[in-house]
N, C-alpha and C. Protein backbone atom coordinates (compact mmCIF):
# COMPACT_ATOMS: atom_id res chain seq x y z
N MET A 1 84.70 111.94 103.49
CA MET A 1 83.18 111.69 103.70
C MET A 1 83.03 110.62 102.65
N PRO A 2 82.15 109.63 103.23
CA PRO A 2 81.95 108.45 102.11
C PRO A 2 80.68 108.83 101.08
N THR A 3 80.65 108.23 99.93
CA THR A 3 79.69 108.60 99.10
C THR A 3 78.67 107.24 99.02
N TYR A 4 77.31 107.59 99.00
CA TYR A 4 76.34 106.51 99.18
C TYR A 4 75.44 106.56 97.72
N GLU A 5 75.18 105.39 97.27
CA GLU A 5 74.26 105.32 96.33
C GLU A 5 72.87 105.07 96.68
N TYR A 6 71.95 105.90 95.89
CA TYR A 6 70.50 105.70 96.20
C TYR A 6 69.80 105.33 94.77
N VAL A 7 68.57 104.84 94.87
CA VAL A 7 67.60 104.74 93.91
C VAL A 7 66.32 105.13 94.18
N CYS A 8 65.80 106.16 93.41
CA CYS A 8 64.32 106.34 93.84
C CYS A 8 63.22 105.52 93.34
N LYS A 9 62.32 105.11 94.18
CA LYS A 9 61.49 104.00 93.62
C LYS A 9 60.33 104.49 92.84
N LYS A 10 59.97 105.93 92.67
CA LYS A 10 59.13 106.52 91.93
C LYS A 10 59.82 106.79 90.54
N CYS A 11 60.82 107.45 90.44
CA CYS A 11 61.29 107.95 89.15
C CYS A 11 62.30 106.97 88.56
N GLY A 12 62.73 106.07 89.43
CA GLY A 12 64.07 105.28 88.82
C GLY A 12 65.48 105.67 88.77
N ARG A 13 65.49 106.93 89.18
CA ARG A 13 66.75 107.71 89.01
C ARG A 13 67.88 107.19 90.19
N LYS A 14 68.97 107.03 89.66
CA LYS A 14 70.07 106.41 90.55
C LYS A 14 70.84 107.69 90.74
N PHE A 15 71.30 107.87 91.99
CA PHE A 15 72.18 108.88 92.17
C PHE A 15 73.05 108.61 93.48
N GLU A 16 74.29 109.48 93.59
CA GLU A 16 75.11 109.51 94.62
C GLU A 16 74.84 110.63 95.59
N ALA A 17 75.32 110.70 96.96
CA ALA A 17 74.99 111.54 97.80
C ALA A 17 76.30 111.48 98.66
N VAL A 18 77.17 112.48 98.95
CA VAL A 18 78.03 112.54 99.76
C VAL A 18 77.59 113.06 101.09
N GLN A 19 77.79 112.05 102.12
CA GLN A 19 77.20 112.28 103.28
C GLN A 19 78.40 111.69 104.37
N SER A 20 78.40 112.53 105.66
CA SER A 20 79.07 111.89 106.87
C SER A 20 78.48 110.69 107.30
N MET A 21 79.17 109.88 107.88
CA MET A 21 78.78 108.55 108.36
C MET A 21 77.61 108.66 109.55
N SER A 22 77.52 109.86 110.33
CA SER A 22 76.52 110.05 111.22
C SER A 22 75.38 110.69 110.78
N ALA A 23 75.44 111.08 109.45
CA ALA A 23 74.18 111.78 108.90
C ALA A 23 72.99 110.76 108.70
N PRO A 24 71.74 111.08 108.92
CA PRO A 24 70.76 110.06 108.44
C PRO A 24 70.61 109.78 107.16
N ALA A 25 70.40 108.60 106.69
CA ALA A 25 70.11 108.39 105.32
C ALA A 25 68.99 109.12 104.68
N LEU A 26 69.07 109.30 103.27
CA LEU A 26 67.95 110.12 102.57
C LEU A 26 66.86 109.16 102.52
N THR A 27 65.56 109.95 102.61
CA THR A 27 64.26 109.25 102.58
C THR A 27 63.55 109.45 101.28
N ILE A 28 63.72 110.50 100.76
CA ILE A 28 62.96 110.90 99.40
C ILE A 28 63.96 111.49 98.32
N CYS A 29 63.53 111.44 97.26
CA CYS A 29 64.41 111.87 96.15
C CYS A 29 64.61 113.23 96.14
N PRO A 30 65.99 113.79 96.06
CA PRO A 30 66.12 115.22 96.21
C PRO A 30 65.53 115.84 94.87
N LYS A 31 65.01 117.27 95.22
CA LYS A 31 64.25 117.92 93.93
C LYS A 31 65.22 118.08 92.84
N ASP A 32 66.34 118.58 93.14
CA ASP A 32 67.32 118.86 92.08
C ASP A 32 67.71 117.77 91.01
N ILE A 33 67.52 116.74 91.46
CA ILE A 33 68.04 115.55 90.50
C ILE A 33 66.70 114.60 90.10
N CYS A 34 65.52 114.96 90.79
CA CYS A 34 64.33 114.23 90.34
C CYS A 34 64.05 114.40 88.81
N THR A 35 63.71 113.20 88.16
CA THR A 35 63.44 113.23 86.64
C THR A 35 61.94 113.55 86.31
N GLU A 36 61.21 113.53 87.43
CA GLU A 36 59.62 113.80 87.16
C GLU A 36 59.41 115.28 86.91
N LYS A 37 58.26 115.51 85.97
CA LYS A 37 58.09 117.08 85.58
C LYS A 37 57.97 117.64 86.98
N LYS A 38 56.93 117.17 87.69
CA LYS A 38 56.72 117.72 88.96
C LYS A 38 57.38 116.76 90.09
N TRP A 39 57.84 117.34 90.97
CA TRP A 39 58.73 116.83 92.05
C TRP A 39 57.85 115.74 92.59
N GLY A 40 58.14 114.29 92.61
CA GLY A 40 57.18 113.51 93.13
C GLY A 40 57.51 112.99 94.43
N ARG A 41 58.67 113.38 95.03
CA ARG A 41 59.06 113.08 96.55
C ARG A 41 59.01 111.56 96.63
N GLY A 42 59.54 110.97 95.65
CA GLY A 42 59.66 109.31 95.66
C GLY A 42 60.58 108.90 96.95
N LYS A 43 60.21 107.67 97.47
CA LYS A 43 61.08 107.15 98.51
C LYS A 43 62.37 106.70 97.88
N VAL A 44 63.40 106.80 98.60
CA VAL A 44 64.71 106.15 97.91
C VAL A 44 65.15 105.00 98.96
N THR A 45 65.75 104.23 98.16
CA THR A 45 66.60 102.93 99.07
C THR A 45 68.01 103.25 98.61
N LYS A 46 68.85 102.82 99.71
CA LYS A 46 70.26 102.80 99.78
C LYS A 46 70.80 101.74 99.15
N GLN A 47 71.76 101.76 98.13
CA GLN A 47 72.24 100.80 97.52
C GLN A 47 73.71 100.26 98.07
N ILE A 48 74.09 99.14 97.85
CA ILE A 48 75.50 98.59 98.26
C ILE A 48 76.22 99.15 97.11
N GLY A 49 77.14 100.02 97.37
CA GLY A 49 78.20 100.46 96.41
C GLY A 49 79.41 99.71 96.42
N ALA A 50 80.28 99.99 95.45
CA ALA A 50 81.34 99.29 95.41
C ALA A 50 82.43 99.75 96.27
N GLY A 51 82.47 101.13 96.68
CA GLY A 51 83.19 101.73 97.55
C GLY A 51 84.40 102.28 96.91
N ALA A 52 85.28 102.93 97.67
CA ALA A 52 86.51 103.48 97.21
C ALA A 52 87.70 102.47 97.47
N GLY A 53 88.71 102.59 96.66
CA GLY A 53 89.94 101.99 96.65
C GLY A 53 90.66 102.56 97.71
N LEU A 54 91.67 101.73 98.25
CA LEU A 54 92.49 102.24 99.32
C LEU A 54 93.50 103.11 98.73
N LEU A 55 93.97 104.13 99.32
CA LEU A 55 94.95 105.08 98.73
C LEU A 55 96.06 105.32 99.91
N PHE A 56 97.11 104.83 99.52
CA PHE A 56 98.30 104.98 100.68
C PHE A 56 99.03 106.11 100.02
N LYS A 57 99.33 107.21 100.98
CA LYS A 57 100.07 108.41 100.53
C LYS A 57 101.40 108.41 101.49
N GLY A 58 102.28 109.01 101.02
CA GLY A 58 103.49 109.14 101.74
C GLY A 58 104.58 108.00 101.68
N GLY A 59 105.68 108.04 102.50
CA GLY A 59 106.76 107.03 102.42
C GLY A 59 106.20 105.57 102.35
N GLY A 60 105.41 105.39 103.07
CA GLY A 60 105.03 104.03 103.21
C GLY A 60 105.44 103.08 104.35
N PHE A 61 105.18 102.08 104.71
CA PHE A 61 105.80 101.10 105.66
C PHE A 61 106.34 100.02 105.15
N TYR A 62 107.57 99.75 105.68
CA TYR A 62 108.21 98.73 105.19
C TYR A 62 108.54 97.59 106.28
N ILE A 63 108.87 96.47 105.89
CA ILE A 63 109.12 95.29 106.99
C ILE A 63 110.15 95.67 107.88
N THR A 64 111.21 96.49 107.37
CA THR A 64 112.41 96.62 108.06
C THR A 64 112.37 97.98 109.10
N ASP A 65 110.93 98.54 108.98
CA ASP A 65 110.66 99.80 109.86
C ASP A 65 110.87 99.43 111.48
N TYR A 66 110.58 98.26 111.82
CA TYR A 66 110.35 97.87 113.03
C TYR A 66 111.27 96.65 113.60
N ARG A 67 112.42 96.54 112.84
CA ARG A 67 113.37 95.57 113.03
C ARG A 67 114.08 95.88 114.73
N SER A 68 114.55 95.05 115.01
CA SER A 68 115.39 95.06 116.31
C SER A 68 116.75 95.64 116.06
N GLU A 69 117.48 96.26 117.00
CA GLU A 69 118.50 96.99 116.97
C GLU A 69 119.72 95.98 116.71
N GLY A 70 119.61 94.81 117.21
CA GLY A 70 120.61 93.82 116.81
C GLY A 70 120.56 93.42 115.28
N TYR A 71 119.37 93.34 114.73
CA TYR A 71 119.30 93.06 113.45
C TYR A 71 119.89 94.14 112.47
N LYS A 72 119.62 95.28 112.96
CA LYS A 72 119.98 96.44 112.30
C LYS A 72 121.53 96.70 112.22
N SER A 73 122.07 96.30 113.17
CA SER A 73 123.64 96.35 113.29
C SER A 73 124.52 95.35 112.59
N ALA A 74 123.78 93.95 112.68
CA ALA A 74 124.30 93.04 111.62
C ALA A 74 124.10 93.29 110.36
N ALA A 75 123.04 93.97 110.18
CA ALA A 75 122.83 94.31 108.65
C ALA A 75 123.91 95.25 108.15
N LYS A 76 124.17 96.16 108.93
CA LYS A 76 125.24 97.20 108.75
C LYS A 76 126.47 96.73 108.40
N LYS A 77 126.71 95.56 109.32
CA LYS A 77 128.13 94.96 109.30
C LYS A 77 128.26 94.14 107.90
N ASP A 78 127.15 93.52 107.46
CA ASP A 78 127.18 92.73 106.32
C ASP A 78 127.18 93.54 104.95
N SER A 79 126.68 94.70 105.07
CA SER A 79 126.56 95.64 103.79
C SER A 79 127.77 96.48 103.69
N ALA A 80 128.65 96.71 104.87
CA ALA A 80 129.82 97.51 104.68
C ALA A 80 130.74 96.89 103.90
N PRO A 81 131.60 97.60 102.99
CA PRO A 81 132.54 97.11 102.18
C PRO A 81 133.67 96.56 102.90
N ALA A 82 134.25 95.20 102.57
CA ALA A 82 135.41 94.73 103.38
C ALA A 82 136.66 95.50 103.00
N LYS A 83 137.48 95.99 104.15
CA LYS A 83 138.40 96.74 103.96
C LYS A 83 139.71 95.80 104.11
N THR A 84 140.10 95.15 103.09
CA THR A 84 141.45 94.23 103.03
C THR A 84 142.29 94.81 102.19
N GLU A 85 143.58 94.74 102.58
CA GLU A 85 144.63 95.34 101.79
C GLU A 85 145.48 94.00 101.33
N THR A 86 145.69 94.04 99.95
CA THR A 86 146.55 92.94 99.45
C THR A 86 147.72 93.73 99.12
N LYS A 87 148.98 92.94 99.55
CA LYS A 87 150.29 93.52 99.00
C LYS A 87 150.42 92.75 97.83
N THR A 88 151.12 93.34 96.96
CA THR A 88 151.58 92.75 95.60
C THR A 88 153.08 92.99 95.77
N GLU A 89 153.72 91.78 95.47
CA GLU A 89 155.09 91.92 95.28
C GLU A 89 155.61 92.37 93.87
N ALA A 90 156.65 93.19 93.87
CA ALA A 90 157.13 93.69 92.74
C ALA A 90 157.96 92.54 92.04
N LYS A 91 157.52 92.32 90.82
CA LYS A 91 158.28 91.31 90.06
C LYS A 91 158.94 92.16 88.94
N PRO A 92 160.10 91.47 88.55
CA PRO A 92 160.71 92.18 87.33
C PRO A 92 159.86 92.09 86.18
N ALA A 93 160.11 92.85 85.28
CA ALA A 93 159.34 92.67 83.91
C ALA A 93 160.17 91.68 83.11
N PRO A 94 159.38 90.74 82.42
CA PRO A 94 160.22 89.77 81.59
C PRO A 94 160.87 90.49 80.50
N LYS A 95 162.15 89.75 80.24
CA LYS A 95 163.14 90.31 79.12
C LYS A 95 162.45 89.93 77.86
N PRO A 96 162.44 90.88 76.93
CA PRO A 96 162.16 90.60 75.57
C PRO A 96 162.96 89.53 74.99
N ALA A 97 162.29 88.75 74.16
CA ALA A 97 162.99 87.85 73.46
C ALA A 97 163.94 88.38 72.41
N ALA A 98 165.26 87.82 72.19
CA ALA A 98 166.16 88.17 71.34
C ALA A 98 165.77 87.92 69.87
N LYS A 99 165.99 88.93 69.15
CA LYS A 99 165.54 88.77 67.80
C LYS A 99 166.83 88.26 66.91
N PRO A 100 166.54 87.31 65.96
CA PRO A 100 167.45 86.81 65.32
C PRO A 100 168.00 87.54 64.26
N ASP A 101 169.31 87.66 63.94
CA ASP A 101 169.95 88.49 63.07
C ASP A 101 169.66 88.06 61.55
N LYS A 102 169.50 89.02 60.84
CA LYS A 102 169.20 88.66 59.34
C LYS A 102 170.31 89.15 58.62
N LYS A 103 170.90 88.21 57.91
CA LYS A 103 171.96 88.30 57.03
C LYS A 103 171.84 88.09 55.69
């Protein structure tokens, strides 16, 4: 339910009221929040509030959620690792160099 901000013209008190959108707007200052010693029943005016921020819950929506099947299959092919086998020829190990004789 939305929160509405009001200001009492008589006592000057600012307050918020949680009301449904279909509920009628308040016309007098509520007795429990009035700052007057004796409840003055001051007229209230609805203020323009800042409102609440948007809150997204859950996994969210991504641009890729609504891609075509052709696009999805092409993307799978691109991301799959290439299976290529390379044959290596066996080469004989190089012969060690001959050591000179010390005399």
